[in-house]
Amino acid sequence: MDPVRGHGGIHMLLAAEQESQQIVSSARNLKTGRLKQAKDEAEREAAAYRTSLEEDYQRKVSESTGSSGWNVKRLEKETETKIQNLKNASSAIHADVINMLLKHVTTVQT
């Protein structure tokens, strides 16, 4: 074996090893970059989904609160109407009730 040729083979092997290390390092860097990009994208999607859910929740809360307030006003109005009707009815029969009570109180049963 030629000693010059042997050294050339070693240099070729060292150069090939360095090249392979650069290729592996480059591949690792690309993989790390893609993983970081995927993580960032997943975080953005999660934030968008969270925001969407929060908006839906707030909309439903405002809808239920709005209808609840409307129901309270409607019930208050109905209650006031019923109270007024009862007052009118009691005013109409007020004199009759007093006369009936006086008749029963002043009538002596024997």
N, C-alpha and C. Protein backbone atom coordinates (compact mmCIF):
# COMPACT_ATOMS: atom_id res chain seq x y z
N MET A 1 0.82 -1.16 0.00
CA MET A 1 0.00 0.00 0.00
C MET A 1 0.87 1.23 0.00
N ASP A 2 0.48 2.17 -0.75
CA ASP A 2 1.24 3.40 -0.90
C ASP A 2 0.94 4.32 0.27
N PRO A 3 1.97 4.81 0.99
CA PRO A 3 1.71 5.66 2.15
C PRO A 3 1.05 6.97 1.79
N VAL A 4 1.29 7.51 0.65
CA VAL A 4 0.67 8.76 0.25
C VAL A 4 -0.79 8.52 -0.03
N ARG A 5 -1.04 7.39 -0.63
CA ARG A 5 -2.42 7.04 -0.95
C ARG A 5 -3.21 6.79 0.33
N GLY A 6 -2.61 6.21 1.34
CA GLY A 6 -3.27 5.94 2.61
C GLY A 6 -3.66 7.21 3.33
N HIS A 7 -2.75 8.20 3.28
CA HIS A 7 -3.08 9.48 3.92
C HIS A 7 -4.19 10.19 3.18
N GLY A 8 -4.22 10.05 1.87
CA GLY A 8 -5.30 10.66 1.08
C GLY A 8 -6.64 10.04 1.44
N GLY A 9 -6.66 8.74 1.68
CA GLY A 9 -7.89 8.06 2.07
C GLY A 9 -8.39 8.52 3.41
N ILE A 10 -7.44 8.75 4.34
CA ILE A 10 -7.82 9.23 5.68
C ILE A 10 -8.39 10.64 5.57
N HIS A 11 -7.75 11.46 4.77
CA HIS A 11 -8.26 12.83 4.57
C HIS A 11 -9.65 12.81 3.94
N MET A 12 -9.84 11.88 3.01
CA MET A 12 -11.17 11.76 2.39
C MET A 12 -12.21 11.31 3.41
N LEU A 13 -11.81 10.36 4.27
CA LEU A 13 -12.74 9.89 5.31
C LEU A 13 -13.06 11.02 6.29
N LEU A 14 -12.05 11.80 6.70
CA LEU A 14 -12.28 12.92 7.62
C LEU A 14 -13.18 13.97 6.97
N ALA A 15 -12.93 14.25 5.70
CA ALA A 15 -13.77 15.21 5.00
C ALA A 15 -15.20 14.71 4.89
N ALA A 16 -15.37 13.41 4.61
CA ALA A 16 -16.71 12.83 4.51
C ALA A 16 -17.41 12.87 5.87
N GLU A 17 -16.66 12.62 6.94
CA GLU A 17 -17.24 12.66 8.28
C GLU A 17 -17.70 14.08 8.62
N GLN A 18 -16.87 15.06 8.30
CA GLN A 18 -17.25 16.45 8.56
C GLN A 18 -18.48 16.85 7.74
N GLU A 19 -18.51 16.41 6.51
CA GLU A 19 -19.66 16.72 5.66
C GLU A 19 -20.93 16.08 6.21
N SER A 20 -20.81 14.83 6.67
CA SER A 20 -21.98 14.15 7.23
C SER A 20 -22.43 14.83 8.52
N GLN A 21 -21.48 15.31 9.33
CA GLN A 21 -21.84 16.02 10.55
C GLN A 21 -22.56 17.32 10.22
N GLN A 22 -22.11 18.00 9.16
CA GLN A 22 -22.79 19.23 8.74
C GLN A 22 -24.21 18.93 8.24
N ILE A 23 -24.35 17.83 7.50
CA ILE A 23 -25.68 17.45 7.00
C ILE A 23 -26.60 17.12 8.17
N VAL A 24 -26.09 16.34 9.14
CA VAL A 24 -26.90 15.98 10.31
C VAL A 24 -27.25 17.23 11.11
N SER A 25 -26.28 18.12 11.30
CA SER A 25 -26.52 19.35 12.04
C SER A 25 -27.56 20.21 11.34
N SER A 26 -27.44 20.30 10.01
CA SER A 26 -28.41 21.07 9.24
C SER A 26 -29.81 20.47 9.36
N ALA A 27 -29.89 19.15 9.30
CA ALA A 27 -31.18 18.48 9.43
C ALA A 27 -31.79 18.71 10.81
N ARG A 28 -30.94 18.67 11.85
CA ARG A 28 -31.43 18.93 13.21
C ARG A 28 -31.96 20.36 13.33
N ASN A 29 -31.22 21.31 12.76
CA ASN A 29 -31.66 22.70 12.81
C ASN A 29 -32.99 22.89 12.08
N LEU A 30 -33.12 22.25 10.92
CA LEU A 30 -34.40 22.33 10.19
C LEU A 30 -35.53 21.72 11.00
N LYS A 31 -35.26 20.57 11.63
CA LYS A 31 -36.28 19.89 12.44
C LYS A 31 -36.68 20.77 13.62
N THR A 32 -35.68 21.36 14.28
CA THR A 32 -35.96 22.25 15.41
C THR A 32 -36.79 23.45 14.96
N GLY A 33 -36.42 24.01 13.81
CA GLY A 33 -37.17 25.15 13.28
C GLY A 33 -38.60 24.78 12.95
N ARG A 34 -38.80 23.60 12.35
CA ARG A 34 -40.17 23.17 12.03
C ARG A 34 -40.98 22.89 13.28
N LEU A 35 -40.33 22.29 14.30
CA LEU A 35 -41.04 22.05 15.56
C LEU A 35 -41.46 23.35 16.22
N LYS A 36 -40.55 24.34 16.20
CA LYS A 36 -40.88 25.64 16.79
C LYS A 36 -42.02 26.30 16.02
N GLN A 37 -41.98 26.21 14.70
CA GLN A 37 -43.03 26.79 13.87
C GLN A 37 -44.37 26.10 14.15
N ALA A 38 -44.34 24.76 14.27
CA ALA A 38 -45.57 24.02 14.57
C ALA A 38 -46.11 24.39 15.94
N LYS A 39 -45.21 24.55 16.91
CA LYS A 39 -45.63 24.93 18.26
C LYS A 39 -46.27 26.32 18.25
N ASP A 40 -45.64 27.26 17.56
CA ASP A 40 -46.19 28.62 17.47
C ASP A 40 -47.56 28.61 16.80
N GLU A 41 -47.68 27.84 15.73
CA GLU A 41 -48.96 27.76 15.02
C GLU A 41 -50.03 27.13 15.91
N ALA A 42 -49.66 26.09 16.65
CA ALA A 42 -50.63 25.46 17.56
C ALA A 42 -51.06 26.43 18.65
N GLU A 43 -50.12 27.22 19.16
CA GLU A 43 -50.48 28.20 20.19
C GLU A 43 -51.41 29.27 19.63
N ARG A 44 -51.17 29.70 18.40
CA ARG A 44 -52.07 30.69 17.77
C ARG A 44 -53.47 30.11 17.58
N GLU A 45 -53.53 28.84 17.11
CA GLU A 45 -54.83 28.21 16.90
C GLU A 45 -55.56 28.03 18.23
N ALA A 46 -54.83 27.64 19.27
CA ALA A 46 -55.45 27.47 20.59
C ALA A 46 -55.97 28.81 21.11
N ALA A 47 -55.19 29.87 20.92
CA ALA A 47 -55.63 31.20 21.37
C ALA A 47 -56.86 31.65 20.59
N ALA A 48 -56.88 31.38 19.28
CA ALA A 48 -58.05 31.76 18.47
C ALA A 48 -59.27 30.97 18.91
N TYR A 49 -59.10 29.69 19.18
CA TYR A 49 -60.22 28.85 19.62
C TYR A 49 -60.72 29.32 20.98
N ARG A 50 -59.79 29.62 21.88
CA ARG A 50 -60.15 30.10 23.21
C ARG A 50 -60.94 31.41 23.10
N THR A 51 -60.48 32.30 22.23
CA THR A 51 -61.17 33.58 22.01
C THR A 51 -62.56 33.34 21.46
N SER A 52 -62.67 32.40 20.53
CA SER A 52 -63.97 32.09 19.94
C SER A 52 -64.93 31.57 21.00
N LEU A 53 -64.45 30.66 21.85
CA LEU A 53 -65.30 30.14 22.92
C LEU A 53 -65.70 31.24 23.89
N GLU A 54 -64.78 32.11 24.22
CA GLU A 54 -65.09 33.20 25.15
C GLU A 54 -66.15 34.14 24.55
N GLU A 55 -66.02 34.44 23.25
CA GLU A 55 -67.01 35.29 22.59
C GLU A 55 -68.38 34.62 22.59
N ASP A 56 -68.44 33.31 22.30
CA ASP A 56 -69.71 32.59 22.34
C ASP A 56 -70.32 32.64 23.74
N TYR A 57 -69.48 32.43 24.74
CA TYR A 57 -69.96 32.46 26.12
C TYR A 57 -70.52 33.83 26.48
N GLN A 58 -69.76 34.88 26.15
CA GLN A 58 -70.21 36.24 26.46
C GLN A 58 -71.51 36.57 25.73
N ARG A 59 -71.64 36.11 24.47
CA ARG A 59 -72.85 36.37 23.70
C ARG A 59 -74.04 35.67 24.36
N LYS A 60 -73.84 34.42 24.77
CA LYS A 60 -74.94 33.68 25.41
C LYS A 60 -75.32 34.30 26.74
N VAL A 61 -74.32 34.76 27.49
CA VAL A 61 -74.61 35.40 28.78
C VAL A 61 -75.40 36.68 28.55
N SER A 62 -74.99 37.47 27.56
CA SER A 62 -75.70 38.72 27.30
C SER A 62 -77.12 38.45 26.79
N GLU A 63 -77.28 37.40 25.98
CA GLU A 63 -78.62 37.06 25.50
C GLU A 63 -79.52 36.62 26.65
N SER A 64 -79.00 35.77 27.52
CA SER A 64 -79.83 35.29 28.63
C SER A 64 -80.11 36.40 29.62
N THR A 65 -79.14 37.27 29.85
CA THR A 65 -79.35 38.39 30.76
C THR A 65 -80.36 39.37 30.17
N GLY A 66 -80.24 39.61 28.88
CA GLY A 66 -81.18 40.51 28.22
C GLY A 66 -82.59 39.99 28.28
N SER A 67 -82.80 38.72 27.99
CA SER A 67 -84.14 38.16 28.04
C SER A 67 -84.63 38.07 29.47
N SER A 68 -83.72 37.86 30.41
CA SER A 68 -84.10 37.81 31.81
C SER A 68 -84.61 39.17 32.25
N GLY A 69 -83.91 40.22 31.86
CA GLY A 69 -84.35 41.57 32.20
C GLY A 69 -85.69 41.88 31.57
N TRP A 70 -85.88 41.43 30.34
CA TRP A 70 -87.15 41.64 29.67
C TRP A 70 -88.25 40.88 30.40
N ASN A 71 -87.98 39.64 30.84
CA ASN A 71 -88.98 38.85 31.56
C ASN A 71 -89.34 39.51 32.88
N VAL A 72 -88.36 40.06 33.57
CA VAL A 72 -88.63 40.74 34.84
C VAL A 72 -89.56 41.92 34.60
N LYS A 73 -89.30 42.72 33.58
CA LYS A 73 -90.15 43.87 33.28
C LYS A 73 -91.56 43.43 32.92
N ARG A 74 -91.65 42.36 32.13
CA ARG A 74 -92.97 41.86 31.73
C ARG A 74 -93.74 41.37 32.96
N LEU A 75 -93.06 40.62 33.84
CA LEU A 75 -93.73 40.12 35.05
C LEU A 75 -94.14 41.26 35.98
N GLU A 76 -93.32 42.28 36.10
CA GLU A 76 -93.68 43.43 36.93
C GLU A 76 -94.92 44.12 36.38
N LYS A 77 -94.98 44.27 35.08
CA LYS A 77 -96.14 44.90 34.46
C LYS A 77 -97.40 44.07 34.69
N GLU A 78 -97.28 42.75 34.50
CA GLU A 78 -98.44 41.87 34.73
C GLU A 78 -98.88 41.93 36.18
N THR A 79 -97.93 41.95 37.10
CA THR A 79 -98.26 42.01 38.53
C THR A 79 -98.97 43.31 38.86
N GLU A 80 -98.48 44.42 38.36
CA GLU A 80 -99.13 45.71 38.60
C GLU A 80 -100.55 45.72 38.05
N THR A 81 -100.73 45.11 36.87
CA THR A 81 -102.07 45.04 36.27
C THR A 81 -103.01 44.22 37.15
N LYS A 82 -102.52 43.08 37.65
CA LYS A 82 -103.35 42.23 38.51
C LYS A 82 -103.68 42.92 39.83
N ILE A 83 -102.71 43.63 40.38
CA ILE A 83 -102.96 44.36 41.63
C ILE A 83 -104.02 45.43 41.41
N GLN A 84 -103.93 46.16 40.30
CA GLN A 84 -104.92 47.19 39.99
C GLN A 84 -106.30 46.59 39.80
N ASN A 85 -106.36 45.43 39.12
CA ASN A 85 -107.65 44.75 38.94
C ASN A 85 -108.25 44.34 40.28
N LEU A 86 -107.40 43.82 41.19
CA LEU A 86 -107.91 43.44 42.51
C LEU A 86 -108.41 44.66 43.29
N LYS A 87 -107.68 45.77 43.20
CA LYS A 87 -108.12 47.00 43.88
C LYS A 87 -109.45 47.47 43.33
N ASN A 88 -109.59 47.43 42.00
CA ASN A 88 -110.85 47.86 41.39
C ASN A 88 -112.00 46.95 41.81
N ALA A 89 -111.74 45.64 41.83
CA ALA A 89 -112.79 44.69 42.23
C ALA A 89 -113.17 44.89 43.69
N SER A 90 -112.17 45.11 44.55
CA SER A 90 -112.49 45.30 45.97
C SER A 90 -113.23 46.62 46.19
N SER A 91 -112.90 47.64 45.42
CA SER A 91 -113.61 48.92 45.54
C SER A 91 -115.07 48.77 45.12
N ALA A 92 -115.29 47.94 44.11
CA ALA A 92 -116.65 47.76 43.60
C ALA A 92 -117.54 47.05 44.62
N ILE A 93 -117.00 46.10 45.37
CA ILE A 93 -117.84 45.34 46.30
C ILE A 93 -117.64 45.77 47.75
N HIS A 94 -116.85 46.84 47.96
CA HIS A 94 -116.55 47.33 49.30
C HIS A 94 -117.83 47.65 50.09
N ALA A 95 -118.71 48.40 49.49
CA ALA A 95 -119.95 48.80 50.18
C ALA A 95 -120.81 47.58 50.49
N ASP A 96 -120.92 46.66 49.56
CA ASP A 96 -121.73 45.45 49.78
C ASP A 96 -121.16 44.62 50.94
N VAL A 97 -119.86 44.49 51.03
CA VAL A 97 -119.23 43.70 52.10
C VAL A 97 -119.49 44.37 53.45
N ILE A 98 -119.38 45.69 53.51
CA ILE A 98 -119.62 46.40 54.78
C ILE A 98 -121.08 46.22 55.20
N ASN A 99 -122.01 46.36 54.27
CA ASN A 99 -123.43 46.18 54.60
C ASN A 99 -123.70 44.75 55.08
N MET A 100 -123.09 43.76 54.44
CA MET A 100 -123.31 42.37 54.83
C MET A 100 -122.74 42.14 56.23
N LEU A 101 -121.57 42.68 56.54
CA LEU A 101 -120.97 42.51 57.87
C LEU A 101 -121.83 43.20 58.94
N LEU A 102 -122.29 44.42 58.63
CA LEU A 102 -123.14 45.12 59.60
C LEU A 102 -124.43 44.36 59.84
N LYS A 103 -124.99 43.79 58.80
CA LYS A 103 -126.23 43.03 58.93
C LYS A 103 -126.01 41.82 59.83
N HIS A 104 -124.90 41.12 59.64
CA HIS A 104 -124.62 39.93 60.47
C HIS A 104 -124.27 40.31 61.90
N VAL A 105 -123.62 41.44 62.09
CA VAL A 105 -123.23 41.85 63.44
C VAL A 105 -124.45 42.38 64.21
N THR A 106 -125.31 43.10 63.52
CA THR A 106 -126.43 43.71 64.22
C THR A 106 -127.63 42.80 64.31
N THR A 107 -127.67 41.74 63.62
CA THR A 107 -128.79 40.81 63.68
C THR A 107 -128.58 39.86 64.85
N VAL A 108 -129.61 39.78 65.71
CA VAL A 108 -129.52 38.90 66.87
C VAL A 108 -130.30 37.64 66.56
N GLN A 109 -129.62 36.54 66.78
CA GLN A 109 -130.31 35.26 66.53
C GLN A 109 -130.91 34.79 67.84
N THR A 110 -132.13 34.37 67.76
CA THR A 110 -132.80 33.88 68.96
C THR A 110 -133.13 32.43 68.86
